[in-house]
C-alpha cells in the first residue's frame, strides 16, 4: 500500500520558511522541526468540543493548513512525516508511551506518535507533537550522551524494552516518554487516537492543553493557567478567568482560529471556572 501524500506541500513549506523544496539533509530536518513547533500549536480543542478527531492526512491538512488550527501528536506528527517523505527523507512512524508526570518506572498506554529518520546510516527521532516539552531538534537515537537543542537538553536511554526520552528540566532529568522501533500501521494509530479522544480517563477530555514553542520561549496553557517560559529566565504566569479572554489568548499567543462551537465555549468556561482560585 502506498503512503498517503500531501496535497498542499508548497503552502506547508512556506509556513516553515521555504519557498522551494529543500534537500533532505540534517540541516533541513533541524530547521523544519524547530520552525514547526512555532508555526503550529499543540491543542486539544476538538476533543473538548466532543467531536471526533480525524487523523487521515486530508483531514489533518484541512484542519491545520486551511482552518488555522493545531492538533496533537496523531495529527501534527502525521502531517510532518508526510512532509519529510515528500522531501525524500528516509522516515517512518513509530510510537511510544507518555510517562511525563508519572512515577518513575510507570508503564502507560501506547498513545504517542513520533517518527524515526535515517540520514546516511545515522538514526534520529523527530517529534513535533509533544506539547509544552516537544523537542525542538532531531535527536540521535544511538547515543546516551546529553544532546543540546534550541531549548532544553535531552538524552535517550536504551533499555530492554526500547528507549526512554528524558529532558533536563530545572536540573532534573525527567522522563518524557518510552518508545520502541516496532512497525506501526494506520490501525495502531487509530486505536490510540480513539483512546485519547474518547476514553473518560483520558486527560485530553479532562482539561485544556495548548502549547506553542518559538525562538527562546515556550508558551503553555493548561485550563486557565497561561505561562511564557523564557530560556534561562523566570517564567511569566497569569490566570485567565474569562472565556472571552481565553479565546482571544488562543488566537493572539497560539495562532489558533478557534471554531465557533457553543458546546466548546461552555466546556472552556467550566474548565477555567473550576481551576480559578
Protein backbone atom coordinates (compact mmCIF):
# COMPACT_ATOMS: atom_id res chain seq x y z
CA UNK A 1 0.00 0.00 0.00
CA UNK A 2 1.42 3.41 -0.97
CA UNK A 3 1.93 6.07 1.67
CA UNK A 4 -0.63 8.93 1.74
CA UNK A 5 0.66 12.05 0.05
CA UNK A 6 0.41 15.72 0.91
CA UNK A 7 -1.67 17.87 -1.41
CA UNK A 8 -0.51 21.22 0.00
CA UNK A 9 3.26 20.82 0.22
CA UNK A 10 4.04 24.32 -1.08
CA UNK A 11 1.77 26.01 1.49
CA UNK A 12 3.17 23.83 4.26
CA UNK A 13 6.78 24.63 3.34
CA UNK A 14 6.04 28.35 3.14
CA UNK A 15 4.72 28.27 6.71
CA UNK A 16 8.06 26.74 7.69
CA UNK A 17 10.24 29.24 5.84
CA UNK A 18 10.92 27.58 2.48
CA UNK A 19 9.84 28.88 -0.93
CA UNK A 20 11.14 25.78 -2.73
CA UNK A 21 11.54 22.19 -1.51
CA UNK A 22 14.83 21.86 0.42
CA UNK A 23 17.23 18.94 0.17
CA UNK A 24 16.71 16.08 2.68
CA UNK A 25 19.65 16.92 4.93
CA UNK A 26 20.17 17.12 8.68
CA UNK A 27 20.22 20.93 8.46
CA UNK A 28 16.84 20.84 6.72
CA UNK A 29 15.40 18.49 9.33
CA UNK A 30 16.66 20.73 12.13
CA UNK A 31 15.11 23.81 10.52
CA UNK A 32 11.79 22.09 9.87
CA UNK A 33 11.41 20.72 13.38
CA UNK A 34 12.27 23.99 15.13
CA UNK A 35 10.02 26.11 12.94
CA UNK A 36 7.16 23.61 13.03
CA UNK A 37 6.85 23.88 16.81
CA UNK A 38 6.50 27.65 16.46
CA UNK A 39 4.16 27.68 13.48
CA UNK A 40 1.61 25.07 14.58
CA UNK A 41 0.21 24.80 18.09
CA UNK A 42 -0.35 21.65 20.08
CA UNK A 43 -4.01 21.74 21.17
CA UNK A 44 -6.97 19.54 22.08
CA UNK A 45 -9.96 21.79 21.35
CA UNK A 46 -11.63 19.15 19.19
CA UNK A 47 -11.77 16.58 21.97
CA UNK A 48 -13.17 19.18 24.38
CA UNK A 49 -15.90 20.03 21.88
CA UNK A 50 -16.99 16.39 21.90
CA UNK A 51 -16.32 15.99 18.18
CA UNK A 52 -14.33 13.15 16.61
CA UNK A 53 -10.65 13.70 15.82
CA UNK A 54 -9.97 12.58 12.25
CA UNK A 55 -6.33 11.65 11.68
CA UNK A 56 -6.37 10.75 7.97
CA UNK A 57 -3.98 13.03 6.09
CA UNK A 58 -6.59 15.04 4.09
CA UNK A 59 -8.50 15.85 7.30
CA UNK A 60 -5.32 16.85 9.12
CA UNK A 61 -4.15 19.06 6.25
CA UNK A 62 -7.53 20.77 6.05
CA UNK A 63 -7.67 21.44 9.78
CA UNK A 64 -4.11 22.66 10.29
CA UNK A 65 -3.16 24.29 6.99
CA UNK A 66 -6.52 25.76 5.98
CA UNK A 67 -8.64 26.16 9.09
CA UNK A 68 -5.98 27.78 11.28
CA UNK A 69 -5.92 25.07 13.89
CA UNK A 70 -3.30 22.99 15.64
CA UNK A 71 -3.58 19.43 16.83
CA UNK A 72 -1.94 16.72 18.88
CA UNK A 73 0.63 14.05 18.07
CA UNK A 74 -1.59 11.91 15.83
CA UNK A 75 -2.21 14.97 13.67
CA UNK A 76 0.97 17.05 13.87
CA UNK A 77 3.42 14.15 13.52
CA UNK A 78 1.34 12.50 10.78
CA UNK A 79 1.48 15.65 8.67
CA UNK A 80 5.15 16.22 9.46
CA UNK A 81 6.07 12.66 8.46
CA UNK A 82 4.21 13.08 5.16
CA UNK A 83 6.23 16.24 4.52
CA UNK A 84 9.53 14.52 5.29
CA UNK A 85 8.69 11.66 2.95
CA UNK A 86 7.64 14.10 0.21
CA UNK A 87 11.06 15.77 0.54
CA UNK A 88 12.87 12.44 0.15
CA UNK A 89 13.75 11.66 3.77
CA UNK A 90 14.02 8.03 4.82
CA UNK A 91 11.41 8.31 7.58
CA UNK A 92 8.73 6.17 9.17
CA UNK A 93 6.29 6.35 12.07
CA UNK A 94 6.91 4.83 15.49
CA UNK A 95 5.02 5.10 18.76
CA UNK A 96 5.54 5.47 22.47
CA UNK A 97 4.09 5.68 25.97
CA UNK A 98 3.91 9.07 27.68
CA UNK A 99 5.30 8.94 31.23
CA UNK A 100 5.79 12.67 31.89
CA UNK A 101 4.33 13.41 35.30
CA UNK A 102 4.12 9.71 36.19
CA UNK A 103 6.10 7.94 38.93
CA UNK A 104 9.48 6.65 37.79
CA UNK A 105 9.03 3.22 36.23
CA UNK A 106 5.38 3.76 35.28
CA UNK A 107 4.13 1.92 32.19
CA UNK A 108 1.34 3.75 30.37
CA UNK A 109 -0.72 3.11 27.24
CA UNK A 110 0.88 3.39 23.82
CA UNK A 111 -0.64 6.75 22.87
CA UNK A 112 2.16 8.85 21.39
CA UNK A 113 3.23 9.11 17.77
CA UNK A 114 6.68 10.26 16.58
CA UNK A 115 9.00 9.49 13.67
CA UNK A 116 12.29 7.73 13.00
CA UNK A 117 14.55 9.30 10.37
CA UNK A 118 17.72 7.74 8.94
CA UNK A 119 20.30 10.03 7.33
CA UNK A 120 23.44 8.49 5.84
CA UNK A 121 23.03 5.47 8.09
CA UNK A 122 22.56 7.57 11.24
CA UNK A 123 19.24 7.26 13.07
CA UNK A 124 17.32 10.16 14.64
CA UNK A 125 13.96 10.59 16.28
CA UNK A 126 11.94 13.63 15.33
CA UNK A 127 8.81 14.82 17.12
CA UNK A 128 6.67 17.95 16.64
CA UNK A 129 3.68 16.80 18.71
CA UNK A 130 4.67 16.60 22.38
CA UNK A 131 3.03 19.68 23.83
CA UNK A 132 4.98 22.03 26.04
CA UNK A 133 8.04 19.78 26.19
CA UNK A 134 8.35 18.99 22.49
CA UNK A 135 11.98 18.56 21.43
CA UNK A 136 12.97 21.38 19.08
CA UNK A 137 15.68 19.43 17.26
CA UNK A 138 16.03 15.88 15.95
CA UNK A 139 17.78 13.64 18.47
CA UNK A 140 20.41 11.00 17.75
CA UNK A 141 18.99 7.62 18.64
CA UNK A 142 22.12 5.55 19.14
CA UNK A 143 23.85 7.54 21.85
CA UNK A 144 23.28 8.04 25.56
CA UNK A 145 25.07 11.41 25.57
CA UNK A 146 23.33 14.64 26.52
CA UNK A 147 22.04 16.37 23.38
CA UNK A 148 21.59 20.12 23.18
CA UNK A 149 18.60 21.66 21.40
CA UNK A 150 17.48 25.28 20.95
CA UNK A 151 15.61 24.70 24.23
CA UNK A 152 16.24 22.07 26.94
CA UNK A 153 18.94 19.38 26.75
CA UNK A 154 17.65 15.85 26.09
CA UNK A 155 19.10 12.37 26.29
CA UNK A 156 17.94 8.92 25.22
CA UNK A 157 18.40 5.88 27.44
CA UNK A 158 18.29 2.42 25.91
CA UNK A 159 16.88 -0.49 27.92
CA UNK A 160 15.45 -3.95 27.41
CA UNK A 161 12.03 -2.70 26.28
CA UNK A 162 13.26 0.09 23.99
CA UNK A 163 14.22 3.65 24.83
CA UNK A 164 13.32 6.41 27.27
CA UNK A 165 13.49 10.06 26.26
CA UNK A 166 14.48 12.39 29.10
CA UNK A 167 14.74 16.17 29.28
CA UNK A 168 16.73 18.24 31.73
CA UNK A 169 14.14 20.42 33.44
CA UNK A 170 15.41 22.58 36.27
CA UNK A 171 18.48 20.38 36.70
CA UNK A 172 16.45 17.15 36.87
CA UNK A 173 16.43 14.52 34.11
CA UNK A 174 12.71 13.86 33.79
CA UNK A 175 11.30 11.02 31.70
CA UNK A 176 9.13 12.24 28.82
CA UNK A 177 8.12 9.03 27.08
CA UNK A 178 9.13 5.44 26.44
CA UNK A 179 9.29 4.29 22.81
CA UNK A 180 10.49 1.48 20.59
CA UNK A 181 11.04 0.94 16.88
CA UNK A 182 8.23 -1.54 16.27
CA UNK A 183 6.48 -1.12 12.92
CA UNK A 184 3.21 0.80 13.22
CA UNK A 185 0.23 0.75 10.88
CA UNK A 186 -2.69 3.14 10.50
CA UNK A 187 -4.87 0.89 12.64
CA UNK A 188 -2.42 1.19 15.55
CA UNK A 189 -2.71 4.96 15.48
CA UNK A 190 -6.48 4.76 15.00
CA UNK A 191 -6.74 2.75 18.23
CA UNK A 192 -4.51 5.15 20.16
CA UNK A 193 -6.36 8.16 18.80
CA UNK A 194 -9.72 6.64 19.71
CA UNK A 195 -8.50 6.09 23.27
CA UNK A 196 -7.10 9.58 23.87
CA UNK A 197 -10.06 11.33 22.24
CA UNK A 198 -12.92 9.29 23.77
CA UNK A 199 -11.88 7.43 26.93
CA UNK A 200 -13.35 9.07 30.07
CA UNK A 201 -9.98 8.87 31.84
CA UNK A 202 -8.04 10.47 29.01
CA UNK A 203 -6.51 13.83 30.05
CA UNK A 204 -7.44 15.16 26.61
CA UNK A 205 -11.08 15.13 27.72
CA UNK A 206 -10.43 16.49 31.18
CA UNK A 207 -8.50 19.70 30.62
CA UNK A 208 -7.44 22.24 28.02
CA UNK A 209 -3.86 21.66 26.87
CA UNK A 210 -2.24 24.10 24.46
CA UNK A 211 1.43 24.76 23.67
CA UNK A 212 3.47 26.69 21.13
CA UNK A 213 7.26 26.81 21.16
CA UNK A 214 9.23 29.59 19.48
CA UNK A 215 12.72 31.02 19.45
CA UNK A 216 13.82 31.10 23.09
CA UNK A 217 10.34 30.64 24.58
CA UNK A 218 7.66 28.07 25.28
CA UNK A 219 4.04 29.17 25.65
CA UNK A 220 1.69 26.86 27.52
CA UNK A 221 -1.96 26.96 28.54
CA UNK A 222 -3.41 24.43 30.97
CA UNK A 223 -7.09 25.24 31.53
CA UNK A 224 -6.78 28.89 32.58
CA UNK A 225 -3.13 28.83 33.61
CA UNK A 226 -1.13 30.67 30.94
CA UNK A 227 2.66 30.78 31.04
CA UNK A 228 5.51 32.03 28.89
CA UNK A 229 8.70 30.17 29.74
CA UNK A 230 11.86 32.06 28.76
CA UNK A 231 15.15 30.22 28.42
CA UNK A 232 17.35 31.00 31.39
CA UNK A 233 14.84 33.44 32.89
CA UNK A 234 11.84 33.48 35.17
CA UNK A 235 8.57 32.39 33.60
CA UNK A 236 5.67 34.80 33.17
CA UNK A 237 2.42 33.38 34.55
CA UNK A 238 -1.17 34.51 34.88
CA UNK A 239 -4.61 33.03 35.37
CA UNK A 240 -7.32 33.55 32.76
CA UNK A 241 -10.79 33.58 34.33
CA UNK A 242 -12.95 34.89 31.48
CA UNK A 243 -13.83 32.71 28.49
CA UNK A 244 -13.68 35.61 26.01
CA UNK A 245 -10.20 36.46 27.27
CA UNK A 246 -9.25 32.81 26.87
CA UNK A 247 -10.50 32.68 23.29
CA UNK A 248 -8.59 35.88 22.47
CA UNK A 249 -5.44 34.40 24.04
CA UNK A 250 -5.72 31.26 21.92
CA UNK A 251 -5.70 33.49 18.83
CA UNK A 252 -3.03 36.02 19.84
CA UNK A 253 -0.49 33.77 21.59
CA UNK A 254 -1.08 30.42 19.90
CA UNK A 255 -2.26 31.47 16.41
CA UNK A 256 -5.37 29.30 16.68
CA UNK A 257 -8.58 30.15 14.87
CA UNK A 258 -10.98 28.85 17.49
CA UNK A 259 -14.04 27.21 15.94
CA UNK A 260 -17.44 28.69 16.70
CA UNK A 261 -18.95 25.97 18.84
CA UNK A 262 -21.41 26.62 21.67
CA UNK A 263 -20.56 23.37 23.44
CA UNK A 264 -16.84 24.12 23.35
CA UNK A 265 -17.41 27.58 24.81
CA UNK A 266 -19.39 26.10 27.71
CA UNK A 267 -16.72 23.48 28.33
CA UNK A 268 -13.91 26.04 28.36
CA UNK A 269 -15.86 28.31 30.69
CA UNK A 270 -16.39 25.41 33.09
CA UNK A 271 -12.72 24.40 33.00
CA UNK A 272 -11.36 27.84 33.82
CA UNK A 273 -14.01 28.50 36.50
CA UNK A 274 -13.20 25.18 38.20
CA UNK A 275 -9.47 25.91 38.14
CA UNK A 276 -9.82 29.51 39.32
CA UNK A 277 -8.67 30.18 42.92
